[in-house]
Amino acid sequence: MENTLKHILQYPVLPVYYNEDIQTCTAVVNACYQGGIRVFEFVNRGDKAPENFSQLLSFQKENWPDLLLGIGTIKSAAMATAYIEMGARFIVSPVVKTEIAEVTLKKGILWVPGCMTPTEISLAEDLGAPLVKLFPGDTLGTGFLKGIKPLFPAMRFMPTGGVNPTKESISGWFDAGVSAVGLGSKLFAKPEGATGYDWLVERSNELMRTVSTYTQQ
């Protein structure tokens, strides 16, 4: 778990993505990887999620040796267990649940629970989570983080939802004290007229250049 967390802190941009089509999934993850991203959160939000995640893990072993693939939108211990057995390197949840902590953290698998209040953050901390997801990030905002961070000096934070793939947005969050950022639909919004995935490689590369300022501190 410590190595997983260390890896995320070193490469603190987590794309959050799902697609039914495995070829599209592979192309998207590959473009992010070519752009320097080394952590990827596939999400359990469709019927094809288990099958596609399994195939991505197989592809990762052959083609993306230093990429950590985790699974998000996990809301039960059974769901977490199934994906851990499949090979998920970390588990992300939209909620804080003791039963999920018991099948992840106690097995040495990093669990990132979603929190929106100081009470939820405190519970996550008591359960042993070293990193929590602030969700939805755009609703909470950097002001919320600045306000609650002194209450939890040992906790690390990652906003997801509403984080923009711009220098202003990323810098704003890191300046407020986050340790990583999760990016979903805004990261994957294809520019008008673009073909292929070169635009995603470049966008990922720009993001990694932006966060490198903070990871080197």
C-alpha atoms as a PDB file:
ATOM      1  CA  MET A   1       0.000   0.000   0.000  1.00  0.00           C
ATOM      2  CA  GLU A   2       2.832   2.385   0.851  1.00  0.00           C
ATOM      3  CA  ASN A   3       4.442   1.817  -2.543  1.00  0.00           C
ATOM      4  CA  THR A   4       1.128   2.495  -4.295  1.00  0.00           C
ATOM      5  CA  LEU A   5       0.653   5.736  -2.398  1.00  0.00           C
ATOM      6  CA  LYS A   6       4.250   6.765  -3.076  1.00  0.00           C
ATOM      7  CA  HIS A   7       3.712   6.116  -6.802  1.00  0.00           C
ATOM      8  CA  ILE A   8       0.546   8.241  -6.829  1.00  0.00           C
ATOM      9  CA  LEU A   9       2.328  11.080  -5.035  1.00  0.00           C
ATOM     10  CA  GLN A  10       5.083  10.909  -7.630  1.00  0.00           C
ATOM     11  CA  TYR A  11       2.619  10.869 -10.568  1.00  0.00           C
ATOM     12  CA  PRO A  12      -0.354  12.718  -9.037  1.00  0.00           C
ATOM     13  CA  VAL A  13      -2.705  12.912 -12.034  1.00  0.00           C
ATOM     14  CA  LEU A  14      -5.418  10.224 -12.077  1.00  0.00           C
ATOM     15  CA  PRO A  15      -7.588   9.993 -15.195  1.00  0.00           C
ATOM     16  CA  VAL A  16     -11.058   8.678 -14.314  1.00  0.00           C
ATOM     17  CA  TYR A  17     -12.596   6.847 -17.262  1.00  0.00           C
ATOM     18  CA  TYR A  18     -15.045   4.234 -18.524  1.00  0.00           C
ATOM     19  CA  ASN A  19     -16.100   3.055 -21.956  1.00  0.00           C
ATOM     20  CA  GLU A  20     -17.973  -0.032 -23.095  1.00  0.00           C
ATOM     21  CA  ASP A  21     -15.597  -0.585 -26.014  1.00  0.00           C
ATOM     22  CA  ILE A  22     -12.294  -2.233 -25.044  1.00  0.00           C
ATOM     23  CA  GLN A  23     -10.452  -0.900 -28.114  1.00  0.00           C
ATOM     24  CA  THR A  24     -11.412   2.644 -27.128  1.00  0.00           C
ATOM     25  CA  CYS A  25     -10.386   1.990 -23.519  1.00  0.00           C
ATOM     26  CA  THR A  26      -7.005   0.664 -24.619  1.00  0.00           C
ATOM     27  CA  ALA A  27      -6.395   3.598 -26.961  1.00  0.00           C
ATOM     28  CA  VAL A  28      -7.315   6.122 -24.257  1.00  0.00           C
ATOM     29  CA  VAL A  29      -5.161   4.556 -21.557  1.00  0.00           C
ATOM     30  CA  ASN A  30      -2.280   4.230 -24.013  1.00  0.00           C
ATOM     31  CA  ALA A  31      -2.508   7.912 -24.994  1.00  0.00           C
ATOM     32  CA  CYS A  32      -2.454   8.929 -21.331  1.00  0.00           C
ATOM     33  CA  TYR A  33       0.531   6.645 -20.752  1.00  0.00           C
ATOM     34  CA  GLN A  34       2.398   8.088 -23.734  1.00  0.00           C
ATOM     35  CA  GLY A  35       1.756  11.525 -22.235  1.00  0.00           C
ATOM     36  CA  GLY A  36       3.514  10.567 -19.015  1.00  0.00           C
ATOM     37  CA  ILE A  37       0.594   9.491 -16.825  1.00  0.00           C
ATOM     38  CA  ARG A  38       1.432   6.515 -14.607  1.00  0.00           C
ATOM     39  CA  VAL A  39      -1.762   6.045 -12.564  1.00  0.00           C
ATOM     40  CA  PHE A  40      -5.188   5.361 -14.082  1.00  0.00           C
ATOM     41  CA  GLU A  41      -8.590   4.896 -12.452  1.00  0.00           C
ATOM     42  CA  PHE A  42     -10.987   2.841 -14.549  1.00  0.00           C
ATOM     43  CA  VAL A  43     -14.507   3.085 -13.159  1.00  0.00           C
ATOM     44  CA  ASN A  44     -17.076   0.415 -12.404  1.00  0.00           C
ATOM     45  CA  ARG A  45     -19.953   2.179 -14.141  1.00  0.00           C
ATOM     46  CA  GLY A  46     -21.157  -0.212 -16.806  1.00  0.00           C
ATOM     47  CA  ASP A  47     -21.868  -3.850 -17.598  1.00  0.00           C
ATOM     48  CA  LYS A  48     -18.542  -4.253 -19.383  1.00  0.00           C
ATOM     49  CA  ALA A  49     -16.468  -2.879 -16.490  1.00  0.00           C
ATOM     50  CA  PRO A  50     -15.153  -6.200 -15.091  1.00  0.00           C
ATOM     51  CA  GLU A  51     -14.360  -7.666 -18.513  1.00  0.00           C
ATOM     52  CA  ASN A  52     -12.714  -4.478 -19.813  1.00  0.00           C
ATOM     53  CA  PHE A  53     -10.729  -3.932 -16.632  1.00  0.00           C
ATOM     54  CA  SER A  54      -9.416  -7.476 -16.794  1.00  0.00           C
ATOM     55  CA  GLN A  55      -8.304  -6.968 -20.394  1.00  0.00           C
ATOM     56  CA  LEU A  56      -6.674  -3.647 -19.528  1.00  0.00           C
ATOM     57  CA  LEU A  57      -4.711  -5.358 -16.753  1.00  0.00           C
ATOM     58  CA  SER A  58      -3.448  -7.954 -19.229  1.00  0.00           C
ATOM     59  CA  PHE A  59      -2.472  -5.230 -21.683  1.00  0.00           C
ATOM     60  CA  GLN A  60      -0.778  -3.285 -18.890  1.00  0.00           C
ATOM     61  CA  LYS A  61       1.536  -6.164 -18.031  1.00  0.00           C
ATOM     62  CA  GLU A  62       2.754  -6.316 -21.624  1.00  0.00           C
ATOM     63  CA  ASN A  63       2.794  -2.654 -22.609  1.00  0.00           C
ATOM     64  CA  TRP A  64       2.620  -0.270 -19.635  1.00  0.00           C
ATOM     65  CA  PRO A  65       5.032  -1.762 -17.077  1.00  0.00           C
ATOM     66  CA  ASP A  66       5.040   1.145 -14.631  1.00  0.00           C
ATOM     67  CA  LEU A  67       1.331   2.056 -14.856  1.00  0.00           C
ATOM     68  CA  LEU A  68      -0.829   1.462 -11.777  1.00  0.00           C
ATOM     69  CA  LEU A  69      -4.368   0.473 -12.743  1.00  0.00           C
ATOM     70  CA  GLY A  70      -7.035   0.920 -10.103  1.00  0.00           C
ATOM     71  CA  ILE A  71     -10.822   0.727 -10.068  1.00  0.00           C
ATOM     72  CA  GLY A  72     -13.287   3.392  -9.002  1.00  0.00           C
ATOM     73  CA  THR A  73     -16.973   3.685  -8.067  1.00  0.00           C
ATOM     74  CA  ILE A  74     -16.668   0.769  -5.640  1.00  0.00           C
ATOM     75  CA  LYS A  75     -19.514   0.804  -3.127  1.00  0.00           C
ATOM     76  CA  SER A  76     -19.353  -2.600  -1.422  1.00  0.00           C
ATOM     77  CA  ALA A  77     -16.853  -5.022   0.083  1.00  0.00           C
ATOM     78  CA  ALA A  78     -17.892  -7.726  -2.400  1.00  0.00           C
ATOM     79  CA  MET A  79     -17.209  -5.417  -5.326  1.00  0.00           C
ATOM     80  CA  ALA A  80     -13.828  -4.420  -3.879  1.00  0.00           C
ATOM     81  CA  THR A  81     -12.865  -8.053  -3.284  1.00  0.00           C
ATOM     82  CA  ALA A  82     -13.758  -9.048  -6.848  1.00  0.00           C
ATOM     83  CA  TYR A  83     -11.556  -6.353  -8.352  1.00  0.00           C
ATOM     84  CA  ILE A  84      -8.676  -6.981  -5.945  1.00  0.00           C
ATOM     85  CA  GLU A  85      -8.713 -10.632  -6.967  1.00  0.00           C
ATOM     86  CA  MET A  86      -8.639  -9.460 -10.574  1.00  0.00           C
ATOM     87  CA  GLY A  87      -5.499  -7.440  -9.867  1.00  0.00           C
ATOM     88  CA  ALA A  88      -6.604  -3.881  -9.065  1.00  0.00           C
ATOM     89  CA  ARG A  89      -3.722  -1.967  -7.486  1.00  0.00           C
ATOM     90  CA  PHE A  90      -6.007   0.454  -5.646  1.00  0.00           C
ATOM     91  CA  ILE A  91      -9.710   0.933  -4.900  1.00  0.00           C
ATOM     92  CA  VAL A  92     -11.572   4.261  -5.080  1.00  0.00           C
ATOM     93  CA  SER A  93     -15.040   4.753  -3.574  1.00  0.00           C
ATOM     94  CA  PRO A  94     -17.586   7.581  -3.688  1.00  0.00           C
ATOM     95  CA  VAL A  95     -18.427   6.792  -0.032  1.00  0.00           C
ATOM     96  CA  VAL A  96     -16.796   5.837   3.278  1.00  0.00           C
ATOM     97  CA  LYS A  97     -17.666   2.296   4.383  1.00  0.00           C
ATOM     98  CA  THR A  98     -16.067   0.233   7.125  1.00  0.00           C
ATOM     99  CA  GLU A  99     -16.650  -2.997   5.188  1.00  0.00           C
ATOM    100  CA  ILE A 100     -14.568  -1.723   2.255  1.00  0.00           C
ATOM    101  CA  ALA A 101     -11.734  -0.687   4.573  1.00  0.00           C
ATOM    102  CA  GLU A 102     -11.702  -4.193   6.002  1.00  0.00           C
ATOM    103  CA  VAL A 103     -11.115  -5.876   2.629  1.00  0.00           C
ATOM    104  CA  THR A 104      -8.636  -3.310   1.276  1.00  0.00           C
ATOM    105  CA  LEU A 105      -6.464  -1.613   3.876  1.00  0.00           C
ATOM    106  CA  LYS A 106      -6.146  -4.745   6.005  1.00  0.00           C
ATOM    107  CA  LYS A 107      -4.869  -6.592   2.933  1.00  0.00           C
ATOM    108  CA  GLY A 108      -2.393  -3.857   2.108  1.00  0.00           C
ATOM    109  CA  ILE A 109      -4.407  -2.495  -0.835  1.00  0.00           C
ATOM    110  CA  LEU A 110      -4.725   1.296  -1.018  1.00  0.00           C
ATOM    111  CA  TRP A 111      -8.323   2.468  -0.551  1.00  0.00           C
ATOM    112  CA  VAL A 112      -9.301   6.039  -1.443  1.00  0.00           C
ATOM    113  CA  PRO A 113     -12.764   6.806  -0.013  1.00  0.00           C
ATOM    114  CA  GLY A 114     -14.850   9.741  -1.184  1.00  0.00           C
ATOM    115  CA  CYS A 115     -15.553  12.429   1.411  1.00  0.00           C
ATOM    116  CA  MET A 116     -17.555  15.648   1.488  1.00  0.00           C
ATOM    117  CA  THR A 117     -17.582  16.582   5.192  1.00  0.00           C
ATOM    118  CA  PRO A 118     -15.113  16.751   8.106  1.00  0.00           C
ATOM    119  CA  THR A 119     -17.028  13.890   9.748  1.00  0.00           C
ATOM    120  CA  GLU A 120     -16.487  11.649   6.721  1.00  0.00           C
ATOM    121  CA  ILE A 121     -12.806  12.599   6.545  1.00  0.00           C
ATOM    122  CA  SER A 122     -12.425  11.788  10.236  1.00  0.00           C
ATOM    123  CA  LEU A 123     -14.085   8.400   9.751  1.00  0.00           C
ATOM    124  CA  ALA A 124     -11.840   7.636   6.775  1.00  0.00           C
ATOM    125  CA  GLU A 125      -8.814   8.593   8.859  1.00  0.00           C
ATOM    126  CA  ASP A 126      -9.965   6.351  11.738  1.00  0.00           C
ATOM    127  CA  LEU A 127     -10.354   3.454   9.287  1.00  0.00           C
ATOM    128  CA  GLY A 128      -6.762   3.914   8.132  1.00  0.00           C
ATOM    129  CA  ALA A 129      -7.147   5.606   4.744  1.00  0.00           C
ATOM    130  CA  PRO A 130      -4.038   7.736   4.040  1.00  0.00           C
ATOM    131  CA  LEU A 131      -5.626   9.527   1.063  1.00  0.00           C
ATOM    132  CA  VAL A 132      -9.226  10.648   0.559  1.00  0.00           C
ATOM    133  CA  LYS A 133     -11.101  11.807  -2.493  1.00  0.00           C
ATOM    134  CA  LEU A 134     -12.828  15.171  -2.156  1.00  0.00           C
ATOM    135  CA  PHE A 135     -15.995  14.678  -4.178  1.00  0.00           C
ATOM    136  CA  PRO A 136     -17.509  16.523  -5.900  1.00  0.00           C
ATOM    137  CA  GLY A 137     -14.472  18.783  -6.133  1.00  0.00           C
ATOM    138  CA  ASP A 138     -16.168  21.621  -7.973  1.00  0.00           C
ATOM    139  CA  THR A 139     -18.901  21.853  -5.331  1.00  0.00           C
ATOM    140  CA  LEU A 140     -16.459  21.822  -2.415  1.00  0.00           C
ATOM    141  CA  GLY A 141     -13.786  24.026  -3.981  1.00  0.00           C
ATOM    142  CA  THR A 142     -10.302  25.025  -2.869  1.00  0.00           C
ATOM    143  CA  GLY A 143     -11.689  27.174  -0.049  1.00  0.00           C
ATOM    144  CA  PHE A 144     -13.185  24.111   1.632  1.00  0.00           C
ATOM    145  CA  LEU A 145      -9.857  22.294   1.455  1.00  0.00           C
ATOM    146  CA  LYS A 146      -7.954  25.231   2.923  1.00  0.00           C
ATOM    147  CA  GLY A 147     -10.489  25.394   5.754  1.00  0.00           C
ATOM    148  CA  ILE A 148     -10.392  21.724   6.782  1.00  0.00           C
ATOM    149  CA  LYS A 149      -6.795  20.798   5.990  1.00  0.00           C
ATOM    150  CA  PRO A 150      -5.403  22.091   9.330  1.00  0.00           C
ATOM    151  CA  LEU A 151      -7.829  19.724  11.109  1.00  0.00           C
ATOM    152  CA  PHE A 152      -6.260  16.702   9.391  1.00  0.00           C
ATOM    153  CA  PRO A 153      -2.501  17.373   9.147  1.00  0.00           C
ATOM    154  CA  ALA A 154      -1.643  13.739   8.390  1.00  0.00           C
ATOM    155  CA  MET A 155      -4.305  13.235   5.705  1.00  0.00           C
ATOM    156  CA  ARG A 156      -3.713  13.623   1.985  1.00  0.00           C
ATOM    157  CA  PHE A 157      -6.416  14.888  -0.360  1.00  0.00           C
ATOM    158  CA  MET A 158      -7.381  14.328  -3.998  1.00  0.00           C
ATOM    159  CA  PRO A 159     -10.262  16.293  -5.580  1.00  0.00           C
ATOM    160  CA  THR A 160     -12.295  14.583  -8.293  1.00  0.00           C
ATOM    161  CA  GLY A 161     -15.180  16.115 -10.213  1.00  0.00           C
ATOM    162  CA  GLY A 162     -14.872  19.506 -11.841  1.00  0.00           C
ATOM    163  CA  VAL A 163     -11.072  19.572 -11.961  1.00  0.00           C
ATOM    164  CA  ASN A 164     -10.088  21.143 -15.275  1.00  0.00           C
ATOM    165  CA  PRO A 165      -7.045  20.088 -17.339  1.00  0.00           C
ATOM    166  CA  THR A 166      -5.694  23.639 -17.264  1.00  0.00           C
ATOM    167  CA  LYS A 167      -2.667  25.089 -15.526  1.00  0.00           C
ATOM    168  CA  GLU A 168      -4.910  27.471 -13.578  1.00  0.00           C
ATOM    169  CA  SER A 169      -7.184  24.744 -12.216  1.00  0.00           C
ATOM    170  CA  ILE A 170      -4.402  22.287 -11.409  1.00  0.00           C
ATOM    171  CA  SER A 171      -2.172  24.913  -9.811  1.00  0.00           C
ATOM    172  CA  GLY A 172      -5.106  26.246  -7.806  1.00  0.00           C
ATOM    173  CA  TRP A 173      -5.752  22.857  -6.255  1.00  0.00           C
ATOM    174  CA  PHE A 174      -2.103  22.072  -5.538  1.00  0.00           C
ATOM    175  CA  ASP A 175      -1.541  25.528  -4.073  1.00  0.00           C
ATOM    176  CA  ALA A 176      -4.502  24.802  -1.771  1.00  0.00           C
ATOM    177  CA  GLY A 177      -2.741  21.662  -0.522  1.00  0.00           C
ATOM    178  CA  VAL A 178      -3.894  18.601  -2.493  1.00  0.00           C
ATOM    179  CA  SER A 179      -1.548  15.666  -3.064  1.00  0.00           C
ATOM    180  CA  ALA A 180      -3.145  14.489  -6.339  1.00  0.00           C
ATOM    181  CA  VAL A 181      -6.013  15.322  -8.697  1.00  0.00           C
ATOM    182  CA  GLY A 182      -8.565  13.134 -10.444  1.00  0.00           C
ATOM    183  CA  LEU A 183      -9.818  14.214 -13.874  1.00  0.00           C
ATOM    184  CA  GLY A 184     -12.783  12.819 -15.766  1.00  0.00           C
ATOM    185  CA  SER A 185     -14.837  14.128 -18.681  1.00  0.00           C
ATOM    186  CA  LYS A 186     -12.951  17.414 -19.049  1.00  0.00           C
ATOM    187  CA  LEU A 187      -9.680  15.564 -19.611  1.00  0.00           C
ATOM    188  CA  PHE A 188     -11.246  13.418 -22.320  1.00  0.00           C
ATOM    189  CA  ALA A 189     -13.177  16.153 -24.161  1.00  0.00           C
ATOM    190  CA  LYS A 190     -11.895  15.804 -27.736  1.00  0.00           C
ATOM    191  CA  PRO A 191     -11.030  19.106 -29.466  1.00  0.00           C
ATOM    192  CA  GLU A 192     -13.260  19.956 -32.430  1.00  0.00           C
ATOM    193  CA  GLY A 193     -11.978  18.387 -35.613  1.00  0.00           C
ATOM    194  CA  ALA A 194      -9.392  16.219 -33.862  1.00  0.00           C
ATOM    195  CA  THR A 195      -8.785  12.659 -35.004  1.00  0.00           C
ATOM    196  CA  GLY A 196      -6.894   9.910 -33.232  1.00  0.00           C
ATOM    197  CA  TYR A 197      -5.525  10.517 -29.748  1.00  0.00           C
ATOM    198  CA  ASP A 198      -2.483  12.750 -30.233  1.00  0.00           C
ATOM    199  CA  TRP A 199      -4.409  15.557 -28.520  1.00  0.00           C
ATOM    200  CA  LEU A 200      -4.800  13.386 -25.402  1.00  0.00           C
ATOM    201  CA  VAL A 201      -1.084  12.556 -25.389  1.00  0.00           C
ATOM    202  CA  GLU A 202      -0.256  16.271 -25.492  1.00  0.00           C
ATOM    203  CA  ARG A 203      -2.889  17.210 -22.899  1.00  0.00           C
ATOM    204  CA  SER A 204      -1.566  14.513 -20.554  1.00  0.00           C
ATOM    205  CA  ASN A 205       1.971  15.716 -21.136  1.00  0.00           C
ATOM    206  CA  GLU A 206       0.999  19.298 -20.276  1.00  0.00           C
ATOM    207  CA  LEU A 207      -0.688  18.114 -17.080  1.00  0.00           C
ATOM    208  CA  MET A 208       2.381  16.183 -15.982  1.00  0.00           C
ATOM    209  CA  ARG A 209       4.594  19.192 -16.688  1.00  0.00           C
ATOM    210  CA  THR A 210       2.321  21.332 -14.531  1.00  0.00           C
ATOM    211  CA  VAL A 211       2.292  18.949 -11.556  1.00  0.00           C
ATOM    212  CA  SER A 212       6.038  18.295 -11.777  1.00  0.00           C
ATOM    213  CA  THR A 213       6.529  21.696 -10.139  1.00  0.00           C
ATOM    214  CA  TYR A 214       4.750  20.372  -7.068  1.00  0.00           C
ATOM    215  CA  THR A 215       6.073  16.817  -6.969  1.00  0.00           C
ATOM    216  CA  GLN A 216       9.648  18.094  -6.883  1.00  0.00           C
ATOM    217  CA  GLN A 217       9.068  20.170  -3.738  1.00  0.00           C
END
